[in-house]
Amino acid sequence: MSTKVISVRVNKELKEEAERLGINLREVIEKAIKERIEIEKKAC
């Protein structure tokens, strides 16, 4: 799978808490995008 670099701005406190909890932000964002794509495909 090829990748593309994107820049995403998030609330500083959210990012810091996610890092403190060991949450992988890249995985969360990729999952959210995939889920939204599926929703949009079903709506068409």
N, C-alpha and C. Protein backbone atom coordinates (compact mmCIF):
# COMPACT_ATOMS: atom_id res chain seq x y z
N MET A 1 0.84 -1.17 0.00
CA MET A 1 0.00 0.00 0.00
C MET A 1 0.89 1.24 0.00
N SER A 2 0.63 2.15 -0.92
CA SER A 2 1.40 3.38 -0.93
C SER A 2 0.81 4.35 0.07
N THR A 3 1.59 5.32 0.46
CA THR A 3 1.12 6.29 1.46
C THR A 3 1.29 7.70 0.94
N LYS A 4 0.58 8.61 1.57
CA LYS A 4 0.65 10.03 1.24
C LYS A 4 0.74 10.78 2.57
N VAL A 5 1.62 11.75 2.64
CA VAL A 5 1.77 12.53 3.86
C VAL A 5 0.73 13.64 3.87
N ILE A 6 -0.01 13.74 4.98
CA ILE A 6 -0.98 14.83 5.15
C ILE A 6 -0.70 15.52 6.47
N SER A 7 -1.17 16.72 6.60
CA SER A 7 -1.02 17.48 7.84
C SER A 7 -2.41 17.69 8.42
N VAL A 8 -2.55 17.37 9.70
CA VAL A 8 -3.84 17.51 10.37
C VAL A 8 -3.64 18.29 11.66
N ARG A 9 -4.44 19.33 11.82
CA ARG A 9 -4.36 20.09 13.06
C ARG A 9 -5.39 19.55 14.03
N VAL A 10 -4.93 19.29 15.26
CA VAL A 10 -5.82 18.82 16.31
C VAL A 10 -5.60 19.67 17.56
N ASN A 11 -6.61 19.67 18.41
CA ASN A 11 -6.52 20.38 19.68
C ASN A 11 -5.31 19.86 20.46
N LYS A 12 -4.48 20.77 20.96
CA LYS A 12 -3.24 20.40 21.65
C LYS A 12 -3.50 19.46 22.82
N GLU A 13 -4.54 19.75 23.60
CA GLU A 13 -4.84 18.92 24.77
C GLU A 13 -5.25 17.50 24.37
N LEU A 14 -6.02 17.40 23.28
CA LEU A 14 -6.41 16.07 22.79
C LEU A 14 -5.19 15.27 22.35
N LYS A 15 -4.30 15.91 21.62
CA LYS A 15 -3.09 15.23 21.15
C LYS A 15 -2.23 14.77 22.33
N GLU A 16 -2.05 15.64 23.30
CA GLU A 16 -1.23 15.30 24.45
C GLU A 16 -1.84 14.15 25.26
N GLU A 17 -3.16 14.18 25.44
CA GLU A 17 -3.80 13.10 26.19
C GLU A 17 -3.74 11.79 25.42
N ALA A 18 -3.95 11.85 24.11
CA ALA A 18 -3.86 10.64 23.29
C ALA A 18 -2.45 10.04 23.39
N GLU A 19 -1.43 10.88 23.31
CA GLU A 19 -0.06 10.39 23.43
C GLU A 19 0.18 9.79 24.81
N ARG A 20 -0.33 10.45 25.84
CA ARG A 20 -0.15 9.96 27.21
C ARG A 20 -0.79 8.58 27.38
N LEU A 21 -1.91 8.36 26.70
CA LEU A 21 -2.62 7.09 26.78
C LEU A 21 -2.10 6.04 25.80
N GLY A 22 -1.14 6.42 24.98
CA GLY A 22 -0.56 5.48 24.03
C GLY A 22 -1.43 5.24 22.81
N ILE A 23 -2.30 6.19 22.49
CA ILE A 23 -3.18 6.06 21.33
C ILE A 23 -2.40 6.42 20.07
N ASN A 24 -2.46 5.54 19.08
CA ASN A 24 -1.79 5.78 17.81
C ASN A 24 -2.71 6.65 16.94
N LEU A 25 -2.39 7.93 16.85
CA LEU A 25 -3.25 8.85 16.12
C LEU A 25 -3.36 8.51 14.64
N ARG A 26 -2.31 8.03 14.06
CA ARG A 26 -2.36 7.67 12.64
C ARG A 26 -3.38 6.55 12.41
N GLU A 27 -3.37 5.55 13.28
CA GLU A 27 -4.34 4.46 13.14
C GLU A 27 -5.76 4.97 13.32
N VAL A 28 -5.97 5.84 14.28
CA VAL A 28 -7.31 6.39 14.54
C VAL A 28 -7.80 7.18 13.32
N ILE A 29 -6.93 8.01 12.77
CA ILE A 29 -7.32 8.83 11.61
C ILE A 29 -7.59 7.95 10.40
N GLU A 30 -6.73 6.97 10.14
CA GLU A 30 -6.94 6.08 8.99
C GLU A 30 -8.26 5.32 9.13
N LYS A 31 -8.57 4.84 10.34
CA LYS A 31 -9.82 4.12 10.56
C LYS A 31 -11.02 5.03 10.33
N ALA A 32 -10.94 6.26 10.83
CA ALA A 32 -12.04 7.21 10.66
C ALA A 32 -12.26 7.52 9.19
N ILE A 33 -11.21 7.68 8.43
CA ILE A 33 -11.34 7.96 6.99
C ILE A 33 -11.97 6.77 6.27
N LYS A 34 -11.50 5.57 6.58
CA LYS A 34 -12.07 4.37 5.95
C LYS A 34 -13.55 4.24 6.25
N GLU A 35 -13.92 4.47 7.52
CA GLU A 35 -15.34 4.37 7.89
C GLU A 35 -16.17 5.42 7.16
N ARG A 36 -15.65 6.63 7.03
CA ARG A 36 -16.39 7.69 6.34
C ARG A 36 -16.54 7.37 4.86
N ILE A 37 -15.52 6.80 4.25
CA ILE A 37 -15.58 6.41 2.84
C ILE A 37 -16.71 5.41 2.65
N GLU A 38 -16.81 4.41 3.53
CA GLU A 38 -17.87 3.41 3.43
C GLU A 38 -19.25 4.05 3.57
N ILE A 39 -19.40 5.00 4.49
CA ILE A 39 -20.67 5.70 4.66
C ILE A 39 -21.04 6.45 3.38
N GLU A 40 -20.08 7.14 2.80
CA GLU A 40 -20.34 7.91 1.59
C GLU A 40 -20.67 7.01 0.41
N LYS A 41 -19.99 5.86 0.32
CA LYS A 41 -20.29 4.91 -0.77
C LYS A 41 -21.71 4.37 -0.67
N LYS A 42 -22.15 4.10 0.54
CA LYS A 42 -23.50 3.57 0.76
C LYS A 42 -24.55 4.64 0.47
N ALA A 43 -24.21 5.90 0.64
CA ALA A 43 -25.16 6.99 0.42
C ALA A 43 -25.37 7.26 -1.07
N CYS A 44 -24.44 6.82 -1.88
CA CYS A 44 -24.56 7.08 -3.33
C CYS A 44 -25.48 6.13 -4.02
